[in-house]
Structure formats: C-alpha cells, structure tokens
C-alpha cells in the first residue's frame, strides 16, 4: 500500500526536532553546525539562505557522509516547505547522525533571517 506524502509527513515529523529559522540562526551562531539546503540546485540558486550548502535530498546521505564524519555535529535542514527537510532528517537520523534539526519555515522566511 502506498502512503501519501502528507500522511508520511504526519508520521515522520513528530520524531524530528523542528525549530523556527530565528532559533536556528541563534543556535548556528553558537554551535557552528551545518546549514543544509536540501532543495534542488536550481531552487537554491534562485534564493539561498546565507551560509547554507546545497545538497539535494536525493543524494544527501551519500554526500553528507563525505563532508561530515562527526555524527554529533549539529545539522540544520532547510527547504521551501519543510517537507523535504523533514524526510531528509529522518533519513540522516537513520544512518546515524545524532543532532539533526528541521527548520520549519519557507524559503522566503529563512533567507530573510539568514
């Protein structure tokens, strides 16, 4: 049976840490975590959050393991609607990253804050 994405998000979201862009900025200023934009490169080029690295959701687990070897380093995930970030957080948690956070805002908001 296929699970519709909205239903999947309802299942996954409560298991992931979720914060506002304002709180994410405060935390990033202190903990030097990674801010990752999981949107596609074309979306990232149109309007990127300052300091974000772009790793699309489809290759996130593979690419991040090349970039960040410390499973405890704080990782903040951003996308346009928080949906891809939520699914990405679940995937990163599954492979062993311990401190993953979803930024719960849209691209317009995060770009204004960062």
PDB file of N, CA and C in Angstrom:
ATOM      1  N   UNK A   1       0.828  -1.177   0.000  1.00  0.00           N
ATOM      2  CA  UNK A   1       0.000   0.000   0.000  1.00  0.00           C
ATOM      3  C   UNK A   1       0.877   1.246   0.000  1.00  0.00           C
ATOM      4  N   UNK A   2       0.586   2.166  -0.876  1.00  0.00           N
ATOM      5  CA  UNK A   2       1.320   3.422  -0.927  1.00  0.00           C
ATOM      6  C   UNK A   2       0.843   4.350   0.174  1.00  0.00           C
ATOM      7  N   UNK A   3       1.773   5.074   0.772  1.00  0.00           N
ATOM      8  CA  UNK A   3       1.437   6.049   1.803  1.00  0.00           C
ATOM      9  C   UNK A   3       1.540   7.435   1.175  1.00  0.00           C
ATOM     10  N   UNK A   4       0.459   8.193   1.144  1.00  0.00           N
ATOM     11  CA  UNK A   4       0.518   9.550   0.593  1.00  0.00           C
ATOM     12  C   UNK A   4       1.530  10.391   1.388  1.00  0.00           C
ATOM     13  N   UNK A   5       2.229  11.277   0.698  1.00  0.00           N
ATOM     14  CA  UNK A   5       3.264  12.092   1.345  1.00  0.00           C
ATOM     15  C   UNK A   5       2.737  12.859   2.550  1.00  0.00           C
ATOM     16  N   UNK A   6       1.565  13.499   2.497  1.00  0.00           N
ATOM     17  CA  UNK A   6       1.082  14.187   3.703  1.00  0.00           C
ATOM     18  C   UNK A   6       0.945  13.250   4.909  1.00  0.00           C
ATOM     19  N   UNK A   7       0.511  12.012   4.655  1.00  0.00           N
ATOM     20  CA  UNK A   7       0.397  11.040   5.748  1.00  0.00           C
ATOM     21  C   UNK A   7       1.776  10.634   6.256  1.00  0.00           C
ATOM     22  N   UNK A   8       2.702  10.418   5.353  1.00  0.00           N
ATOM     23  CA  UNK A   8       4.066  10.084   5.745  1.00  0.00           C
ATOM     24  C   UNK A   8       4.674  11.202   6.591  1.00  0.00           C
ATOM     25  N   UNK A   9       4.455  12.428   6.189  1.00  0.00           N
ATOM     26  CA  UNK A   9       4.975  13.566   6.959  1.00  0.00           C
ATOM     27  C   UNK A   9       4.372  13.615   8.354  1.00  0.00           C
ATOM     28  N   UNK A  10       3.100  13.274   8.479  1.00  0.00           N
ATOM     29  CA  UNK A  10       2.467  13.224   9.803  1.00  0.00           C
ATOM     30  C   UNK A  10       3.125  12.177  10.685  1.00  0.00           C
ATOM     31  N   UNK A  11       3.573  11.085  10.081  1.00  0.00           N
ATOM     32  CA  UNK A  11       4.228  10.018  10.832  1.00  0.00           C
ATOM     33  C   UNK A  11       5.660  10.387  11.214  1.00  0.00           C
ATOM     34  N   UNK A  12       6.380  11.029  10.293  1.00  0.00           N
ATOM     35  CA  UNK A  12       7.808  11.302  10.473  1.00  0.00           C
ATOM     36  C   UNK A  12       8.059  12.566  11.299  1.00  0.00           C
ATOM     37  N   UNK A  13       7.284  13.613  11.059  1.00  0.00           N
ATOM     38  CA  UNK A  13       7.538  14.912  11.690  1.00  0.00           C
ATOM     39  C   UNK A  13       7.643  14.859  13.212  1.00  0.00           C
ATOM     40  N   UNK A  14       6.781  14.131  13.920  1.00  0.00           N
ATOM     41  CA  UNK A  14       6.898  14.138  15.385  1.00  0.00           C
ATOM     42  C   UNK A  14       8.187  13.518  15.920  1.00  0.00           C
ATOM     43  N   UNK A  15       8.879  12.759  15.090  1.00  0.00           N
ATOM     44  CA  UNK A  15      10.127  12.134  15.544  1.00  0.00           C
ATOM     45  C   UNK A  15      11.351  13.005  15.278  1.00  0.00           C
ATOM     46  N   UNK A  16      11.158  14.146  14.615  1.00  0.00           N
ATOM     47  CA  UNK A  16      12.264  15.022  14.252  1.00  0.00           C
ATOM     48  C   UNK A  16      12.194  16.336  15.022  1.00  0.00           C
ATOM     49  N   UNK A  17      13.339  16.847  15.413  1.00  0.00           N
ATOM     50  CA  UNK A  17      13.396  18.147  16.075  1.00  0.00           C
ATOM     51  C   UNK A  17      13.082  19.222  15.038  1.00  0.00           C
ATOM     52  N   UNK A  18      12.190  20.152  15.405  1.00  0.00           N
ATOM     53  CA  UNK A  18      11.733  21.192  14.485  1.00  0.00           C
ATOM     54  C   UNK A  18      11.807  22.530  15.208  1.00  0.00           C
ATOM     55  N   UNK A  19      12.446  23.529  14.565  1.00  0.00           N
ATOM     56  CA  UNK A  19      12.564  24.850  15.168  1.00  0.00           C
ATOM     57  C   UNK A  19      12.359  25.929  14.108  1.00  0.00           C
ATOM     58  N   UNK A  20      12.140  27.147  14.563  1.00  0.00           N
ATOM     59  CA  UNK A  20      11.969  28.279  13.649  1.00  0.00           C
ATOM     60  C   UNK A  20      13.318  28.698  13.073  1.00  0.00           C
ATOM     61  N   UNK A  21      13.264  29.488  12.020  1.00  0.00           N
ATOM     62  CA  UNK A  21      14.506  29.989  11.424  1.00  0.00           C
ATOM     63  C   UNK A  21      15.227  30.920  12.392  1.00  0.00           C
ATOM     64  N   UNK A  22      14.480  31.677  13.175  1.00  0.00           N
ATOM     65  CA  UNK A  22      15.104  32.574  14.147  1.00  0.00           C
ATOM     66  C   UNK A  22      15.910  31.790  15.179  1.00  0.00           C
ATOM     67  N   UNK A  23      15.295  30.707  15.697  1.00  0.00           N
ATOM     68  CA  UNK A  23      16.001  29.877  16.673  1.00  0.00           C
ATOM     69  C   UNK A  23      17.197  29.182  16.025  1.00  0.00           C
ATOM     70  N   UNK A  24      17.034  28.735  14.790  1.00  0.00           N
ATOM     71  CA  UNK A  24      18.138  28.078  14.085  1.00  0.00           C
ATOM     72  C   UNK A  24      19.319  29.030  13.938  1.00  0.00           C
ATOM     73  N   UNK A  25      19.051  30.275  13.578  1.00  0.00           N
ATOM     74  CA  UNK A  25      20.132  31.249  13.431  1.00  0.00           C
ATOM     75  C   UNK A  25      20.869  31.440  14.746  1.00  0.00           C
ATOM     76  N   UNK A  26      20.142  31.559  15.842  1.00  0.00           N
ATOM     77  CA  UNK A  26      20.772  31.717  17.156  1.00  0.00           C
ATOM     78  C   UNK A  26      21.649  30.523  17.495  1.00  0.00           C
ATOM     79  N   UNK A  27      21.140  29.333  17.251  1.00  0.00           N
ATOM     80  CA  UNK A  27      21.902  28.125  17.553  1.00  0.00           C
ATOM     81  C   UNK A  27      23.129  28.005  16.659  1.00  0.00           C
ATOM     82  N   UNK A  28      22.965  28.271  15.372  1.00  0.00           N
ATOM     83  CA  UNK A  28      24.093  28.173  14.443  1.00  0.00           C
ATOM     84  C   UNK A  28      25.206  29.154  14.806  1.00  0.00           C
ATOM     85  N   UNK A  29      24.831  30.333  15.279  1.00  0.00           N
ATOM     86  CA  UNK A  29      25.830  31.319  15.694  1.00  0.00           C
ATOM     87  C   UNK A  29      26.678  30.790  16.850  1.00  0.00           C
ATOM     88  N   UNK A  30      26.103  29.935  17.675  1.00  0.00           N
ATOM     89  CA  UNK A  30      26.802  29.402  18.856  1.00  0.00           C
ATOM     90  C   UNK A  30      27.489  28.065  18.605  1.00  0.00           C
ATOM     91  N   UNK A  31      26.836  27.176  17.866  1.00  0.00           N
ATOM     92  CA  UNK A  31      27.355  25.802  17.798  1.00  0.00           C
ATOM     93  C   UNK A  31      28.071  25.449  16.500  1.00  0.00           C
ATOM     94  N   UNK A  32      28.131  26.364  15.559  1.00  0.00           N
ATOM     95  CA  UNK A  32      28.835  26.139  14.287  1.00  0.00           C
ATOM     96  C   UNK A  32      28.376  24.868  13.578  1.00  0.00           C
ATOM     97  N   UNK A  33      27.079  24.635  13.618  1.00  0.00           N
ATOM     98  CA  UNK A  33      26.517  23.494  12.912  1.00  0.00           C
ATOM     99  C   UNK A  33      26.507  23.725  11.415  1.00  0.00           C
ATOM    100  N   UNK A  34      26.023  22.737  10.710  1.00  0.00           N
ATOM    101  CA  UNK A  34      25.909  22.821   9.247  1.00  0.00           C
ATOM    102  C   UNK A  34      24.490  23.203   8.867  1.00  0.00           C
ATOM    103  N   UNK A  35      24.354  24.192   8.019  1.00  0.00           N
ATOM    104  CA  UNK A  35      23.061  24.572   7.460  1.00  0.00           C
ATOM    105  C   UNK A  35      23.014  24.007   6.048  1.00  0.00           C
ATOM    106  N   UNK A  36      22.076  23.099   5.818  1.00  0.00           N
ATOM    107  CA  UNK A  36      21.992  22.422   4.533  1.00  0.00           C
ATOM    108  C   UNK A  36      20.641  22.703   3.890  1.00  0.00           C
ATOM    109  N   UNK A  37      20.701  23.155   2.651  1.00  0.00           N
ATOM    110  CA  UNK A  37      19.522  23.375   1.825  1.00  0.00           C
ATOM    111  C   UNK A  37      19.331  22.108   1.002  1.00  0.00           C
ATOM    112  N   UNK A  38      18.235  21.394   1.248  1.00  0.00           N
ATOM    113  CA  UNK A  38      18.022  20.116   0.566  1.00  0.00           C
ATOM    114  C   UNK A  38      17.189  20.260  -0.707  1.00  0.00           C
ATOM    115  N   UNK A  39      16.966  21.495  -1.154  1.00  0.00           N
ATOM    116  CA  UNK A  39      16.249  21.718  -2.405  1.00  0.00           C
ATOM    117  C   UNK A  39      17.156  21.386  -3.592  1.00  0.00           C
ATOM    118  N   UNK A  40      16.571  21.387  -4.756  1.00  0.00           N
ATOM    119  CA  UNK A  40      17.332  21.149  -5.982  1.00  0.00           C
ATOM    120  C   UNK A  40      18.223  22.367  -6.277  1.00  0.00           C
ATOM    121  N   UNK A  41      19.344  22.173  -6.967  1.00  0.00           N
ATOM    122  CA  UNK A  41      20.273  23.279  -7.234  1.00  0.00           C
ATOM    123  C   UNK A  41      19.625  24.499  -7.879  1.00  0.00           C
ATOM    124  N   UNK A  42      18.694  24.299  -8.803  1.00  0.00           N
ATOM    125  CA  UNK A  42      18.044  25.443  -9.453  1.00  0.00           C
ATOM    126  C   UNK A  42      17.260  26.277  -8.449  1.00  0.00           C
ATOM    127  N   UNK A  43      16.618  25.628  -7.493  1.00  0.00           N
ATOM    128  CA  UNK A  43      15.885  26.348  -6.446  1.00  0.00           C
ATOM    129  C   UNK A  43      16.847  27.105  -5.538  1.00  0.00           C
ATOM    130  N   UNK A  44      17.926  26.446  -5.187  1.00  0.00           N
ATOM    131  CA  UNK A  44      18.938  27.043  -4.310  1.00  0.00           C
ATOM    132  C   UNK A  44      19.548  28.293  -4.955  1.00  0.00           C
ATOM    133  N   UNK A  45      19.770  28.235  -6.264  1.00  0.00           N
ATOM    134  CA  UNK A  45      20.380  29.372  -6.959  1.00  0.00           C
ATOM    135  C   UNK A  45      19.465  30.594  -6.987  1.00  0.00           C
ATOM    136  N   UNK A  46      18.167  30.377  -7.009  1.00  0.00           N
ATOM    137  CA  UNK A  46      17.219  31.493  -7.063  1.00  0.00           C
ATOM    138  C   UNK A  46      17.260  32.291  -5.761  1.00  0.00           C
ATOM    139  N   UNK A  47      17.231  31.618  -4.647  1.00  0.00           N
ATOM    140  CA  UNK A  47      17.248  32.298  -3.356  1.00  0.00           C
ATOM    141  C   UNK A  47      17.797  31.337  -2.312  1.00  0.00           C
ATOM    142  N   UNK A  48      19.028  31.548  -1.919  1.00  0.00           N
ATOM    143  CA  UNK A  48      19.690  30.675  -0.955  1.00  0.00           C
ATOM    144  C   UNK A  48      19.805  31.359   0.396  1.00  0.00           C
ATOM    145  N   UNK A  49      19.685  30.569   1.434  1.00  0.00           N
ATOM    146  CA  UNK A  49      19.944  31.073   2.777  1.00  0.00           C
ATOM    147  C   UNK A  49      21.440  31.308   2.919  1.00  0.00           C
ATOM    148  N   UNK A  50      21.807  32.401   3.531  1.00  0.00           N
ATOM    149  CA  UNK A  50      23.217  32.740   3.711  1.00  0.00           C
ATOM    150  C   UNK A  50      23.902  31.653   4.532  1.00  0.00           C
ATOM    151  N   UNK A  51      25.000  31.146   4.018  1.00  0.00           N
ATOM    152  CA  UNK A  51      25.778  30.133   4.729  1.00  0.00           C
ATOM    153  C   UNK A  51      25.335  28.710   4.486  1.00  0.00           C
ATOM    154  N   UNK A  52      24.256  28.522   3.755  1.00  0.00           N
ATOM    155  CA  UNK A  52      23.767  27.168   3.502  1.00  0.00           C
ATOM    156  C   UNK A  52      24.566  26.503   2.394  1.00  0.00           C
ATOM    157  N   UNK A  53      24.826  25.222   2.583  1.00  0.00           N
ATOM    158  CA  UNK A  53      25.383  24.437   1.491  1.00  0.00           C
ATOM    159  C   UNK A  53      24.233  23.667   0.857  1.00  0.00           C
ATOM    160  N   UNK A  54      24.292  23.499  -0.430  1.00  0.00           N
ATOM    161  CA  UNK A  54      23.216  22.829  -1.138  1.00  0.00           C
ATOM    162  C   UNK A  54      23.574  21.379  -1.384  1.00  0.00           C
ATOM    163  N   UNK A  55      22.811  20.498  -0.751  1.00  0.00           N
ATOM    164  CA  UNK A  55      22.913  19.068  -1.020  1.00  0.00           C
ATOM    165  C   UNK A  55      21.486  18.575  -1.222  1.00  0.00           C
ATOM    166  N   UNK A  56      21.077  18.327  -2.453  1.00  0.00           N
ATOM    167  CA  UNK A  56      19.699  17.900  -2.712  1.00  0.00           C
ATOM    168  C   UNK A  56      19.340  16.628  -1.942  1.00  0.00           C
ATOM    169  N   UNK A  57      18.081  16.540  -1.593  1.00  0.00           N
ATOM    170  CA  UNK A  57      17.588  15.417  -0.804  1.00  0.00           C
ATOM    171  C   UNK A  57      17.951  14.065  -1.415  1.00  0.00           C
ATOM    172  N   UNK A  58      17.933  13.965  -2.720  1.00  0.00           N
ATOM    173  CA  UNK A  58      18.192  12.688  -3.377  1.00  0.00           C
ATOM    174  C   UNK A  58      19.580  12.116  -3.180  1.00  0.00           C
ATOM    175  N   UNK A  59      20.545  12.953  -2.829  1.00  0.00           N
ATOM    176  CA  UNK A  59      21.920  12.479  -2.634  1.00  0.00           C
ATOM    177  C   UNK A  59      22.453  12.836  -1.245  1.00  0.00           C
ATOM    178  N   UNK A  60      21.581  13.287  -0.378  1.00  0.00           N
ATOM    179  CA  UNK A  60      22.010  13.825   0.910  1.00  0.00           C
ATOM    180  C   UNK A  60      22.826  12.856   1.747  1.00  0.00           C
ATOM    181  N   UNK A  61      22.332  11.653   1.957  1.00  0.00           N
ATOM    182  CA  UNK A  61      23.055  10.721   2.825  1.00  0.00           C
ATOM    183  C   UNK A  61      24.457  10.425   2.301  1.00  0.00           C
ATOM    184  N   UNK A  62      24.572  10.217   1.004  1.00  0.00           N
ATOM    185  CA  UNK A  62      25.873   9.884   0.436  1.00  0.00           C
ATOM    186  C   UNK A  62      26.834  11.067   0.502  1.00  0.00           C
ATOM    187  N   UNK A  63      26.380  12.237   0.102  1.00  0.00           N
ATOM    188  CA  UNK A  63      27.243  13.422   0.074  1.00  0.00           C
ATOM    189  C   UNK A  63      27.620  13.880   1.482  1.00  0.00           C
ATOM    190  N   UNK A  64      26.674  13.855   2.401  1.00  0.00           N
ATOM    191  CA  UNK A  64      26.973  14.342   3.745  1.00  0.00           C
ATOM    192  C   UNK A  64      28.005  13.464   4.437  1.00  0.00           C
ATOM    193  N   UNK A  65      27.956  12.178   4.189  1.00  0.00           N
ATOM    194  CA  UNK A  65      28.953  11.291   4.791  1.00  0.00           C
ATOM    195  C   UNK A  65      30.361  11.607   4.294  1.00  0.00           C
ATOM    196  N   UNK A  66      30.471  12.180   3.091  1.00  0.00           N
ATOM    197  CA  UNK A  66      31.778  12.607   2.583  1.00  0.00           C
ATOM    198  C   UNK A  66      32.225  13.908   3.249  1.00  0.00           C
ATOM    199  N   UNK A  67      31.278  14.765   3.574  1.00  0.00           N
ATOM    200  CA  UNK A  67      31.579  16.098   4.110  1.00  0.00           C
ATOM    201  C   UNK A  67      31.730  16.097   5.626  1.00  0.00           C
ATOM    202  N   UNK A  68      30.834  15.406   6.314  1.00  0.00           N
ATOM    203  CA  UNK A  68      30.799  15.453   7.778  1.00  0.00           C
ATOM    204  C   UNK A  68      30.886  14.051   8.376  1.00  0.00           C
ATOM    205  N   UNK A  69      31.998  13.795   9.035  1.00  0.00           N
ATOM    206  CA  UNK A  69      32.240  12.480   9.634  1.00  0.00           C
ATOM    207  C   UNK A  69      31.781  12.406  11.085  1.00  0.00           C
ATOM    208  N   UNK A  70      31.534  13.567  11.710  1.00  0.00           N
ATOM    209  CA  UNK A  70      31.140  13.612  13.120  1.00  0.00           C
ATOM    210  C   UNK A  70      29.623  13.458  13.230  1.00  0.00           C
ATOM    211  N   UNK A  71      29.129  12.329  13.730  1.00  0.00           N
ATOM    212  CA  UNK A  71      27.683  12.136  13.809  1.00  0.00           C
ATOM    213  C   UNK A  71      26.998  13.046  14.833  1.00  0.00           C
ATOM    214  N   UNK A  72      27.768  13.675  15.707  1.00  0.00           N
ATOM    215  CA  UNK A  72      27.188  14.537  16.741  1.00  0.00           C
ATOM    216  C   UNK A  72      27.124  16.014  16.329  1.00  0.00           C
ATOM    217  N   UNK A  73      27.759  16.389  15.231  1.00  0.00           N
ATOM    218  CA  UNK A  73      27.725  17.799  14.826  1.00  0.00           C
ATOM    219  C   UNK A  73      26.296  18.218  14.499  1.00  0.00           C
ATOM    220  N   UNK A  74      25.863  19.372  14.975  1.00  0.00           N
ATOM    221  CA  UNK A  74      24.516  19.831  14.678  1.00  0.00           C
ATOM    222  C   UNK A  74      24.321  20.069  13.173  1.00  0.00           C
ATOM    223  N   UNK A  75      23.211  19.562  12.667  1.00  0.00           N
ATOM    224  CA  UNK A  75      22.859  19.706  11.257  1.00  0.00           C
ATOM    225  C   UNK A  75      21.462  20.305  11.192  1.00  0.00           C
ATOM    226  N   UNK A  76      21.322  21.379  10.423  1.00  0.00           N
ATOM    227  CA  UNK A  76      20.053  22.071  10.258  1.00  0.00           C
ATOM    228  C   UNK A  76      19.643  21.958   8.803  1.00  0.00           C
ATOM    229  N   UNK A  77      18.436  21.463   8.568  1.00  0.00           N
ATOM    230  CA  UNK A  77      17.957  21.218   7.213  1.00  0.00           C
ATOM    231  C   UNK A  77      16.864  22.202   6.835  1.00  0.00           C
ATOM    232  N   UNK A  78      16.976  22.725   5.630  1.00  0.00           N
ATOM    233  CA  UNK A  78      16.054  23.735   5.133  1.00  0.00           C
ATOM    234  C   UNK A  78      15.576  23.370   3.735  1.00  0.00           C
ATOM    235  N   UNK A  79      14.301  23.641   3.470  1.00  0.00           N
ATOM    236  CA  UNK A  79      13.746  23.546   2.122  1.00  0.00           C
ATOM    237  C   UNK A  79      12.613  24.558   2.021  1.00  0.00           C
ATOM    238  N   UNK A  80      11.884  24.550   0.954  1.00  0.00           N
ATOM    239  CA  UNK A  80      10.839  25.555   0.744  1.00  0.00           C
ATOM    240  C   UNK A  80       9.645  25.390   1.675  1.00  0.00           C
ATOM    241  N   UNK A  81       9.297  24.168   2.033  1.00  0.00           N
ATOM    242  CA  UNK A  81       8.071  23.945   2.812  1.00  0.00           C
ATOM    243  C   UNK A  81       8.276  23.113   4.071  1.00  0.00           C
ATOM    244  N   UNK A  82       9.477  22.689   4.336  1.00  0.00           N
ATOM    245  CA  UNK A  82       9.850  21.792   5.439  1.00  0.00           C
ATOM    246  C   UNK A  82       9.554  20.324   5.147  1.00  0.00           C
ATOM    247  N   UNK A  83       8.878  20.008   4.045  1.00  0.00           N
ATOM    248  CA  UNK A  83       8.562  18.615   3.737  1.00  0.00           C
ATOM    249  C   UNK A  83       9.824  17.822   3.388  1.00  0.00           C
ATOM    250  N   UNK A  84      10.605  18.319   2.439  1.00  0.00           N
ATOM    251  CA  UNK A  84      11.837  17.611   2.070  1.00  0.00           C
ATOM    252  C   UNK A  84      12.825  17.593   3.227  1.00  0.00           C
ATOM    253  N   UNK A  85      12.860  18.679   3.986  1.00  0.00           N
ATOM    254  CA  UNK A  85      13.757  18.729   5.150  1.00  0.00           C
ATOM    255  C   UNK A  85      13.351  17.681   6.185  1.00  0.00           C
ATOM    256  N   UNK A  86      12.059  17.509   6.380  1.00  0.00           N
ATOM    257  CA  UNK A  86      11.568  16.518   7.348  1.00  0.00           C
ATOM    258  C   UNK A  86      11.944  15.108   6.913  1.00  0.00           C
ATOM    259  N   UNK A  87      11.713  14.783   5.652  1.00  0.00           N
ATOM    260  CA  UNK A  87      12.074  13.452   5.161  1.00  0.00           C
ATOM    261  C   UNK A  87      13.591  13.255   5.167  1.00  0.00           C
ATOM    262  N   UNK A  88      14.332  14.317   4.893  1.00  0.00           N
ATOM    263  CA  UNK A  88      15.793  14.248   4.934  1.00  0.00           C
ATOM    264  C   UNK A  88      16.296  14.013   6.356  1.00  0.00           C
ATOM    265  N   UNK A  89      15.673  14.666   7.312  1.00  0.00           N
ATOM    266  CA  UNK A  89      16.073  14.493   8.714  1.00  0.00           C
ATOM    267  C   UNK A  89      15.876  13.040   9.148  1.00  0.00           C
ATOM    268  N   UNK A  90      14.772  12.473   8.738  1.00  0.00           N
ATOM    269  CA  UNK A  90      14.508  11.077   9.074  1.00  0.00           C
ATOM    270  C   UNK A  90      15.583  10.173   8.478  1.00  0.00           C
ATOM    271  N   UNK A  91      15.968  10.438   7.247  1.00  0.00           N
ATOM    272  CA  UNK A  91      16.996   9.623   6.578  1.00  0.00           C
ATOM    273  C   UNK A  91      18.351   9.783   7.261  1.00  0.00           C
ATOM    274  N   UNK A  92      18.716  11.019   7.614  1.00  0.00           N
ATOM    275  CA  UNK A  92      20.009  11.242   8.274  1.00  0.00           C
ATOM    276  C   UNK A  92      20.045  10.597   9.657  1.00  0.00           C
ATOM    277  N   UNK A  93      18.940  10.654  10.360  1.00  0.00           N
ATOM    278  CA  UNK A  93      18.858  10.003  11.668  1.00  0.00           C
ATOM    279  C   UNK A  93      19.029   8.493  11.508  1.00  0.00           C
ATOM    280  N   UNK A  94      18.424   7.950  10.479  1.00  0.00           N
ATOM    281  CA  UNK A  94      18.503   6.517  10.221  1.00  0.00           C
ATOM    282  C   UNK A  94      19.936   6.058   9.963  1.00  0.00           C
ATOM    283  N   UNK A  95      20.757   6.909   9.306  1.00  0.00           N
ATOM    284  CA  UNK A  95      22.140   6.500   9.032  1.00  0.00           C
ATOM    285  C   UNK A  95      23.097   6.838  10.168  1.00  0.00           C
ATOM    286  N   UNK A  96      22.599   7.482  11.225  1.00  0.00           N
ATOM    287  CA  UNK A  96      23.437   7.660  12.407  1.00  0.00           C
ATOM    288  C   UNK A  96      23.740   9.071  12.861  1.00  0.00           C
ATOM    289  N   UNK A  97      23.286  10.087  12.143  1.00  0.00           N
ATOM    290  CA  UNK A  97      23.505  11.458  12.620  1.00  0.00           C
ATOM    291  C   UNK A  97      22.598  11.695  13.828  1.00  0.00           C
ATOM    292  N   UNK A  98      23.174  12.267  14.879  1.00  0.00           N
ATOM    293  CA  UNK A  98      22.509  12.331  16.179  1.00  0.00           C
ATOM    294  C   UNK A  98      21.860  13.671  16.490  1.00  0.00           C
ATOM    295  N   UNK A  99      22.207  14.721  15.766  1.00  0.00           N
ATOM    296  CA  UNK A  99      21.769  16.059  16.129  1.00  0.00           C
ATOM    297  C   UNK A  99      21.231  16.775  14.890  1.00  0.00           C
ATOM    298  N   UNK A 100      20.096  16.293  14.386  1.00  0.00           N
ATOM    299  CA  UNK A 100      19.517  16.800  13.146  1.00  0.00           C
ATOM    300  C   UNK A 100      18.267  17.608  13.473  1.00  0.00           C
ATOM    301  N   UNK A 101      18.152  18.781  12.853  1.00  0.00           N
ATOM    302  CA  UNK A 101      17.028  19.672  13.106  1.00  0.00           C
ATOM    303  C   UNK A 101      16.415  20.137  11.792  1.00  0.00           C
ATOM    304  N   UNK A 102      15.096  20.186  11.757  1.00  0.00           N
ATOM    305  CA  UNK A 102      14.355  20.709  10.617  1.00  0.00           C
ATOM    306  C   UNK A 102      13.990  22.164  10.912  1.00  0.00           C
ATOM    307  N   UNK A 103      14.283  23.037   9.968  1.00  0.00           N
ATOM    308  CA  UNK A 103      13.885  24.435  10.095  1.00  0.00           C
ATOM    309  C   UNK A 103      12.491  24.565   9.496  1.00  0.00           C
ATOM    310  N   UNK A 104      11.539  24.984  10.324  1.00  0.00           N
ATOM    311  CA  UNK A 104      10.135  24.986   9.929  1.00  0.00           C
ATOM    312  C   UNK A 104       9.701  26.355   9.432  1.00  0.00           C
ATOM    313  N   UNK A 105      10.116  26.674   8.256  1.00  0.00           N
ATOM    314  CA  UNK A 105       9.684  27.909   7.614  1.00  0.00           C
ATOM    315  C   UNK A 105       9.858  27.727   6.124  1.00  0.00           C
ATOM    316  N   UNK A 106       9.386  28.706   5.381  1.00  0.00           N
ATOM    317  CA  UNK A 106       9.569  28.596   3.942  1.00  0.00           C
ATOM    318  C   UNK A 106      10.851  29.303   3.515  1.00  0.00           C
ATOM    319  N   UNK A 107      11.217  29.130   2.292  1.00  0.00           N
ATOM    320  CA  UNK A 107      12.474  29.688   1.789  1.00  0.00           C
ATOM    321  C   UNK A 107      12.523  31.200   1.946  1.00  0.00           C
ATOM    322  N   UNK A 108      11.412  31.858   1.750  1.00  0.00           N
ATOM    323  CA  UNK A 108      11.376  33.321   1.871  1.00  0.00           C
ATOM    324  C   UNK A 108      11.750  33.752   3.288  1.00  0.00           C
ATOM    325  N   UNK A 109      11.203  33.076   4.284  1.00  0.00           N
ATOM    326  CA  UNK A 109      11.482  33.428   5.675  1.00  0.00           C
ATOM    327  C   UNK A 109      12.942  33.181   6.032  1.00  0.00           C
ATOM    328  N   UNK A 110      13.462  32.009   5.709  1.00  0.00           N
ATOM    329  CA  UNK A 110      14.832  31.715   6.126  1.00  0.00           C
ATOM    330  C   UNK A 110      15.824  32.649   5.464  1.00  0.00           C
ATOM    331  N   UNK A 111      15.598  33.002   4.227  1.00  0.00           N
ATOM    332  CA  UNK A 111      16.525  33.904   3.558  1.00  0.00           C
ATOM    333  C   UNK A 111      16.502  35.275   4.198  1.00  0.00           C
ATOM    334  N   UNK A 112      15.368  35.692   4.713  1.00  0.00           N
ATOM    335  CA  UNK A 112      15.298  36.981   5.384  1.00  0.00           C
ATOM    336  C   UNK A 112      16.035  36.944   6.713  1.00  0.00           C
ATOM    337  N   UNK A 113      15.976  35.839   7.417  1.00  0.00           N
ATOM    338  CA  UNK A 113      16.618  35.730   8.727  1.00  0.00           C
ATOM    339  C   UNK A 113      18.121  35.557   8.573  1.00  0.00           C
ATOM    340  N   UNK A 114      18.555  34.715   7.660  1.00  0.00           N
ATOM    341  CA  UNK A 114      19.982  34.469   7.489  1.00  0.00           C
ATOM    342  C   UNK A 114      20.523  35.484   6.534  1.00  0.00           C
TER     343      UNK A 114
END
